[in-house]
Amino acid sequence: QRITNWEFNVIKSMTGFGKGEIKFSGGQISVEIKTVNHKFFDASLKLLVAESMEGNLDVRGSNEVTRIKGGSGTVTLVGATGDLLATSVGGPISVTGGSITRAHLETVSGAIGYDGVVARRGTLEAVTHSGDVTLRLPTDIGAEFELESFDGTIDPGFLATSAGPPKARKGKPLIFVTREGG
């Protein structure tokens, strides 16, 4: 379910702190708001937790910590930042415009797509039991990779060298480093 119209009321507090929940037919969102200088309101979510067993989850915007749990619908995140955990049982997971420090994306029978950047010393894990994983990362990324597939193929075509890309062996992880690593 997509939530398109909701807004925060101005905090009327001596401490500049507010806390509340937004409930809707597909779930609930918990919101914690704190002003930086205790005078002006500058909203950003510190923690976003959303869960849906049947419907789609569509999250847009940045949060420090995002926890998404889907059942059979599509999990879509646009502009995700910070620490991200997205899981799904039967639906695909798509992250675009991401700039994460740590992410774990996991689905049992869906595809996973990530199109974005990973912070230096950051981690990105993508796990699916019977779906494709597509990673679109900057060409100049410095990272350590460990790719593994039990039945599928690994195509590290982005590592075009004079000797060609590294070759994966069935049942063995493909481990390599780009640039100076992560």
C-alpha atoms as a PDB file:
ATOM      1  CA  GLN A   1       0.000   0.000   0.000  1.00  0.00           C
ATOM      2  CA  ARG A   2       1.328   3.446  -0.857  1.00  0.00           C
ATOM      3  CA  ILE A   3       0.855   6.302   1.582  1.00  0.00           C
ATOM      4  CA  THR A   4       0.817   9.537  -0.360  1.00  0.00           C
ATOM      5  CA  ASN A   5      -0.864  12.139   1.839  1.00  0.00           C
ATOM      6  CA  TRP A   6       0.332  12.548   5.383  1.00  0.00           C
ATOM      7  CA  GLU A   7       2.005  15.415   7.131  1.00  0.00           C
ATOM      8  CA  PHE A   8       3.528  16.444  10.429  1.00  0.00           C
ATOM      9  CA  ASN A   9       2.033  19.141  12.578  1.00  0.00           C
ATOM     10  CA  VAL A  10       4.391  21.766  13.965  1.00  0.00           C
ATOM     11  CA  ILE A  11       5.898  20.616  17.244  1.00  0.00           C
ATOM     12  CA  LYS A  12       4.511  22.640  20.127  1.00  0.00           C
ATOM     13  CA  SER A  13       6.968  21.700  22.824  1.00  0.00           C
ATOM     14  CA  MET A  14       9.504  23.450  25.020  1.00  0.00           C
ATOM     15  CA  THR A  15      12.038  20.697  24.309  1.00  0.00           C
ATOM     16  CA  GLY A  16      11.514  20.479  20.527  1.00  0.00           C
ATOM     17  CA  PHE A  17      10.755  16.744  20.744  1.00  0.00           C
ATOM     18  CA  GLY A  18       7.732  14.883  19.394  1.00  0.00           C
ATOM     19  CA  LYS A  19       6.777  11.235  19.036  1.00  0.00           C
ATOM     20  CA  GLY A  20       3.785   9.600  17.409  1.00  0.00           C
ATOM     21  CA  GLU A  21       2.356   6.872  15.238  1.00  0.00           C
ATOM     22  CA  ILE A  22       0.531   6.943  11.937  1.00  0.00           C
ATOM     23  CA  LYS A  23      -1.802   3.990  11.500  1.00  0.00           C
ATOM     24  CA  PHE A  24      -3.402   2.972   8.224  1.00  0.00           C
ATOM     25  CA  SER A  25      -5.152  -0.110   6.854  1.00  0.00           C
ATOM     26  CA  GLY A  26      -1.902  -1.777   5.745  1.00  0.00           C
ATOM     27  CA  GLY A  27       0.204  -1.095   8.826  1.00  0.00           C
ATOM     28  CA  GLN A  28       1.713   1.563  11.024  1.00  0.00           C
ATOM     29  CA  ILE A  29       4.543   4.100  10.943  1.00  0.00           C
ATOM     30  CA  SER A  30       6.249   5.243  14.136  1.00  0.00           C
ATOM     31  CA  VAL A  31       7.722   8.746  13.990  1.00  0.00           C
ATOM     32  CA  GLU A  32      10.157  10.459  16.324  1.00  0.00           C
ATOM     33  CA  ILE A  33      10.917  14.145  15.690  1.00  0.00           C
ATOM     34  CA  LYS A  34      13.565  16.295  17.354  1.00  0.00           C
ATOM     35  CA  THR A  35      14.633  19.793  16.318  1.00  0.00           C
ATOM     36  CA  VAL A  36      18.358  20.392  15.951  1.00  0.00           C
ATOM     37  CA  ASN A  37      18.523  23.883  17.419  1.00  0.00           C
ATOM     38  CA  HIS A  38      15.315  23.654  19.495  1.00  0.00           C
ATOM     39  CA  LYS A  39      13.837  26.564  17.505  1.00  0.00           C
ATOM     40  CA  PHE A  40      13.141  25.463  13.933  1.00  0.00           C
ATOM     41  CA  PHE A  41      11.542  22.327  12.591  1.00  0.00           C
ATOM     42  CA  ASP A  42      13.671  20.310  10.144  1.00  0.00           C
ATOM     43  CA  ALA A  43      11.979  16.938   9.598  1.00  0.00           C
ATOM     44  CA  SER A  44      13.826  13.730   8.845  1.00  0.00           C
ATOM     45  CA  LEU A  45      12.993  10.235   9.967  1.00  0.00           C
ATOM     46  CA  LYS A  46      15.488   8.508  12.199  1.00  0.00           C
ATOM     47  CA  LEU A  47      13.771   5.112  12.011  1.00  0.00           C
ATOM     48  CA  LEU A  48      11.210   3.870   9.498  1.00  0.00           C
ATOM     49  CA  VAL A  49       9.636   0.444  10.049  1.00  0.00           C
ATOM     50  CA  ALA A  50       7.026  -0.837   7.592  1.00  0.00           C
ATOM     51  CA  GLU A  51       5.492  -4.272   7.094  1.00  0.00           C
ATOM     52  CA  SER A  52       2.934  -5.702   4.684  1.00  0.00           C
ATOM     53  CA  MET A  53       2.023  -9.339   4.186  1.00  0.00           C
ATOM     54  CA  GLU A  54       0.094  -8.932   0.901  1.00  0.00           C
ATOM     55  CA  GLY A  55       0.369  -5.410  -0.440  1.00  0.00           C
ATOM     56  CA  ASN A  56       3.226  -3.537  -2.083  1.00  0.00           C
ATOM     57  CA  LEU A  57       5.562  -1.364  -0.017  1.00  0.00           C
ATOM     58  CA  ASP A  58       6.755   1.840  -1.703  1.00  0.00           C
ATOM     59  CA  VAL A  59       9.150   3.984   0.359  1.00  0.00           C
ATOM     60  CA  ARG A  60      10.629   7.203  -0.991  1.00  0.00           C
ATOM     61  CA  GLY A  61      13.159   9.384   0.767  1.00  0.00           C
ATOM     62  CA  SER A  62      16.042   9.112   3.162  1.00  0.00           C
ATOM     63  CA  ASN A  63      16.061   7.829   6.711  1.00  0.00           C
ATOM     64  CA  GLU A  64      18.881   6.995   9.087  1.00  0.00           C
ATOM     65  CA  VAL A  65      17.529   3.468   9.618  1.00  0.00           C
ATOM     66  CA  THR A  66      14.949   1.688   7.443  1.00  0.00           C
ATOM     67  CA  ARG A  67      13.411  -1.718   8.205  1.00  0.00           C
ATOM     68  CA  ILE A  68      11.008  -3.090   5.569  1.00  0.00           C
ATOM     69  CA  LYS A  69       9.338  -6.499   5.651  1.00  0.00           C
ATOM     70  CA  GLY A  70       7.182  -7.684   2.766  1.00  0.00           C
ATOM     71  CA  GLY A  71       5.185 -10.811   2.081  1.00  0.00           C
ATOM     72  CA  SER A  72       3.993 -11.373  -1.471  1.00  0.00           C
ATOM     73  CA  GLY A  73       4.094  -7.800  -2.786  1.00  0.00           C
ATOM     74  CA  THR A  74       6.854  -5.697  -4.301  1.00  0.00           C
ATOM     75  CA  VAL A  75       9.232  -3.811  -2.005  1.00  0.00           C
ATOM     76  CA  THR A  76      10.406  -0.579  -3.683  1.00  0.00           C
ATOM     77  CA  LEU A  77      12.780   1.929  -2.092  1.00  0.00           C
ATOM     78  CA  VAL A  78      13.791   5.155  -3.841  1.00  0.00           C
ATOM     79  CA  GLY A  79      16.528   7.372  -2.406  1.00  0.00           C
ATOM     80  CA  ALA A  80      17.290   5.075   0.530  1.00  0.00           C
ATOM     81  CA  THR A  81      20.192   6.162   2.733  1.00  0.00           C
ATOM     82  CA  GLY A  82      21.898   5.008   5.894  1.00  0.00           C
ATOM     83  CA  ASP A  83      21.219   1.560   7.324  1.00  0.00           C
ATOM     84  CA  LEU A  84      18.730  -0.547   5.348  1.00  0.00           C
ATOM     85  CA  LEU A  85      17.145  -3.954   5.969  1.00  0.00           C
ATOM     86  CA  ALA A  86      14.575  -5.109   3.406  1.00  0.00           C
ATOM     87  CA  THR A  87      13.163  -8.630   3.350  1.00  0.00           C
ATOM     88  CA  SER A  88      10.433 -10.296   1.334  1.00  0.00           C
ATOM     89  CA  VAL A  89       9.014 -13.790   1.108  1.00  0.00           C
ATOM     90  CA  GLY A  90       7.642 -13.923  -2.424  1.00  0.00           C
ATOM     91  CA  GLY A  91       8.113 -10.496  -3.936  1.00  0.00           C
ATOM     92  CA  PRO A  92      10.972  -8.635  -5.569  1.00  0.00           C
ATOM     93  CA  ILE A  93      13.052  -5.940  -3.851  1.00  0.00           C
ATOM     94  CA  SER A  94      14.133  -2.846  -5.803  1.00  0.00           C
ATOM     95  CA  VAL A  95      16.373  -0.058  -4.466  1.00  0.00           C
ATOM     96  CA  THR A  96      17.146   2.892  -6.766  1.00  0.00           C
ATOM     97  CA  GLY A  97      19.049   6.073  -6.057  1.00  0.00           C
ATOM     98  CA  GLY A  98      20.411   4.534  -2.902  1.00  0.00           C
ATOM     99  CA  SER A  99      23.358   5.840  -0.915  1.00  0.00           C
ATOM    100  CA  ILE A 100      23.743   3.362   1.889  1.00  0.00           C
ATOM    101  CA  THR A 101      26.291   2.654   4.583  1.00  0.00           C
ATOM    102  CA  ARG A 102      24.938  -0.800   5.331  1.00  0.00           C
ATOM    103  CA  ALA A 103      22.228  -2.831   3.597  1.00  0.00           C
ATOM    104  CA  HIS A 104      20.876  -6.357   3.760  1.00  0.00           C
ATOM    105  CA  LEU A 105      18.373  -7.219   1.011  1.00  0.00           C
ATOM    106  CA  GLU A 106      16.831 -10.689   1.143  1.00  0.00           C
ATOM    107  CA  THR A 107      13.958 -12.478  -0.586  1.00  0.00           C
ATOM    108  CA  VAL A 108      13.047 -16.139  -0.815  1.00  0.00           C
ATOM    109  CA  SER A 109      11.649 -16.265  -4.346  1.00  0.00           C
ATOM    110  CA  GLY A 110      11.959 -12.788  -5.820  1.00  0.00           C
ATOM    111  CA  ALA A 111      14.563 -10.805  -7.707  1.00  0.00           C
ATOM    112  CA  ILE A 112      16.750  -8.141  -6.092  1.00  0.00           C
ATOM    113  CA  GLY A 113      17.876  -4.950  -7.816  1.00  0.00           C
ATOM    114  CA  TYR A 114      20.184  -2.294  -6.340  1.00  0.00           C
ATOM    115  CA  ASP A 115      21.116   0.850  -8.265  1.00  0.00           C
ATOM    116  CA  GLY A 116      23.137   3.294  -6.186  1.00  0.00           C
ATOM    117  CA  VAL A 117      26.291   3.845  -4.185  1.00  0.00           C
ATOM    118  CA  VAL A 118      27.755   2.222  -1.106  1.00  0.00           C
ATOM    119  CA  ALA A 119      29.726   4.313   1.376  1.00  0.00           C
ATOM    120  CA  ARG A 120      33.408   3.598   1.829  1.00  0.00           C
ATOM    121  CA  ARG A 121      33.735   0.808   4.395  1.00  0.00           C
ATOM    122  CA  GLY A 122      30.026   0.130   3.853  1.00  0.00           C
ATOM    123  CA  THR A 123      28.415  -3.241   3.234  1.00  0.00           C
ATOM    124  CA  LEU A 124      25.786  -4.440   0.777  1.00  0.00           C
ATOM    125  CA  GLU A 125      24.422  -7.975   1.024  1.00  0.00           C
ATOM    126  CA  ALA A 126      21.877  -9.321  -1.465  1.00  0.00           C
ATOM    127  CA  VAL A 127      20.485 -12.801  -0.862  1.00  0.00           C
ATOM    128  CA  THR A 128      17.816 -14.617  -2.850  1.00  0.00           C
ATOM    129  CA  HIS A 129      17.062 -18.309  -2.996  1.00  0.00           C
ATOM    130  CA  SER A 130      15.505 -18.408  -6.460  1.00  0.00           C
ATOM    131  CA  GLY A 131      15.720 -14.995  -8.093  1.00  0.00           C
ATOM    132  CA  ASP A 132      18.161 -12.821 -10.012  1.00  0.00           C
ATOM    133  CA  VAL A 133      20.390 -10.248  -8.314  1.00  0.00           C
ATOM    134  CA  THR A 134      21.265  -7.145 -10.342  1.00  0.00           C
ATOM    135  CA  LEU A 135      23.724  -4.625  -8.880  1.00  0.00           C
ATOM    136  CA  ARG A 136      24.359  -1.313 -10.618  1.00  0.00           C
ATOM    137  CA  LEU A 137      27.249   0.376  -8.843  1.00  0.00           C
ATOM    138  CA  PRO A 138      29.516   3.288  -9.800  1.00  0.00           C
ATOM    139  CA  THR A 139      32.276   2.292 -12.225  1.00  0.00           C
ATOM    140  CA  ASP A 140      34.938   3.709  -9.906  1.00  0.00           C
ATOM    141  CA  ILE A 141      33.794   1.784  -6.828  1.00  0.00           C
ATOM    142  CA  GLY A 142      36.512   0.472  -4.546  1.00  0.00           C
ATOM    143  CA  ALA A 143      35.090  -2.668  -2.965  1.00  0.00           C
ATOM    144  CA  GLU A 144      35.618  -6.233  -1.879  1.00  0.00           C
ATOM    145  CA  PHE A 145      33.178  -8.647  -3.527  1.00  0.00           C
ATOM    146  CA  GLU A 146      32.096 -12.144  -2.597  1.00  0.00           C
ATOM    147  CA  LEU A 147      29.557 -13.506  -5.087  1.00  0.00           C
ATOM    148  CA  GLU A 148      28.053 -16.969  -4.851  1.00  0.00           C
ATOM    149  CA  SER A 149      25.326 -18.914  -6.637  1.00  0.00           C
ATOM    150  CA  PHE A 150      24.208 -22.479  -6.026  1.00  0.00           C
ATOM    151  CA  ASP A 151      22.421 -23.064  -9.343  1.00  0.00           C
ATOM    152  CA  GLY A 152      22.700 -19.818 -11.310  1.00  0.00           C
ATOM    153  CA  THR A 153      25.507 -18.083 -13.129  1.00  0.00           C
ATOM    154  CA  ILE A 154      27.576 -15.121 -12.040  1.00  0.00           C
ATOM    155  CA  ASP A 155      28.354 -12.534 -14.692  1.00  0.00           C
ATOM    156  CA  PRO A 156      30.904 -10.003 -13.400  1.00  0.00           C
ATOM    157  CA  GLY A 157      31.034  -8.389 -16.851  1.00  0.00           C
ATOM    158  CA  PHE A 158      31.803  -5.005 -15.337  1.00  0.00           C
ATOM    159  CA  LEU A 159      35.307  -6.313 -14.587  1.00  0.00           C
ATOM    160  CA  ALA A 160      36.450  -6.277 -18.187  1.00  0.00           C
ATOM    161  CA  THR A 161      40.209  -6.674 -18.244  1.00  0.00           C
ATOM    162  CA  SER A 162      42.621  -7.851 -20.895  1.00  0.00           C
ATOM    163  CA  ALA A 163      42.295 -11.347 -19.431  1.00  0.00           C
ATOM    164  CA  GLY A 164      38.506 -11.013 -19.246  1.00  0.00           C
ATOM    165  CA  PRO A 165      36.374 -11.083 -16.117  1.00  0.00           C
ATOM    166  CA  PRO A 166      37.119 -13.567 -13.324  1.00  0.00           C
ATOM    167  CA  LYS A 167      35.464 -16.968 -13.761  1.00  0.00           C
ATOM    168  CA  ALA A 168      33.107 -18.381 -11.174  1.00  0.00           C
ATOM    169  CA  ARG A 169      33.272 -22.052 -10.239  1.00  0.00           C
ATOM    170  CA  LYS A 170      30.036 -23.872  -9.443  1.00  0.00           C
ATOM    171  CA  GLY A 171      29.530 -24.114  -5.686  1.00  0.00           C
ATOM    172  CA  LYS A 172      32.453 -21.789  -4.892  1.00  0.00           C
ATOM    173  CA  PRO A 173      32.245 -18.066  -4.164  1.00  0.00           C
ATOM    174  CA  LEU A 174      33.812 -15.629  -6.614  1.00  0.00           C
ATOM    175  CA  ILE A 175      35.965 -13.294  -4.499  1.00  0.00           C
ATOM    176  CA  PHE A 176      37.741 -10.232  -5.895  1.00  0.00           C
ATOM    177  CA  VAL A 177      38.675  -6.629  -5.082  1.00  0.00           C
ATOM    178  CA  THR A 178      38.226  -3.511  -7.219  1.00  0.00           C
ATOM    179  CA  ARG A 179      40.397  -0.416  -6.899  1.00  0.00           C
ATOM    180  CA  GLU A 180      41.784  -0.385  -3.362  1.00  0.00           C
ATOM    181  CA  GLY A 181      38.921  -2.354  -1.886  1.00  0.00           C
ATOM    182  CA  GLY A 182      36.359  -1.158   0.610  1.00  0.00           C
END
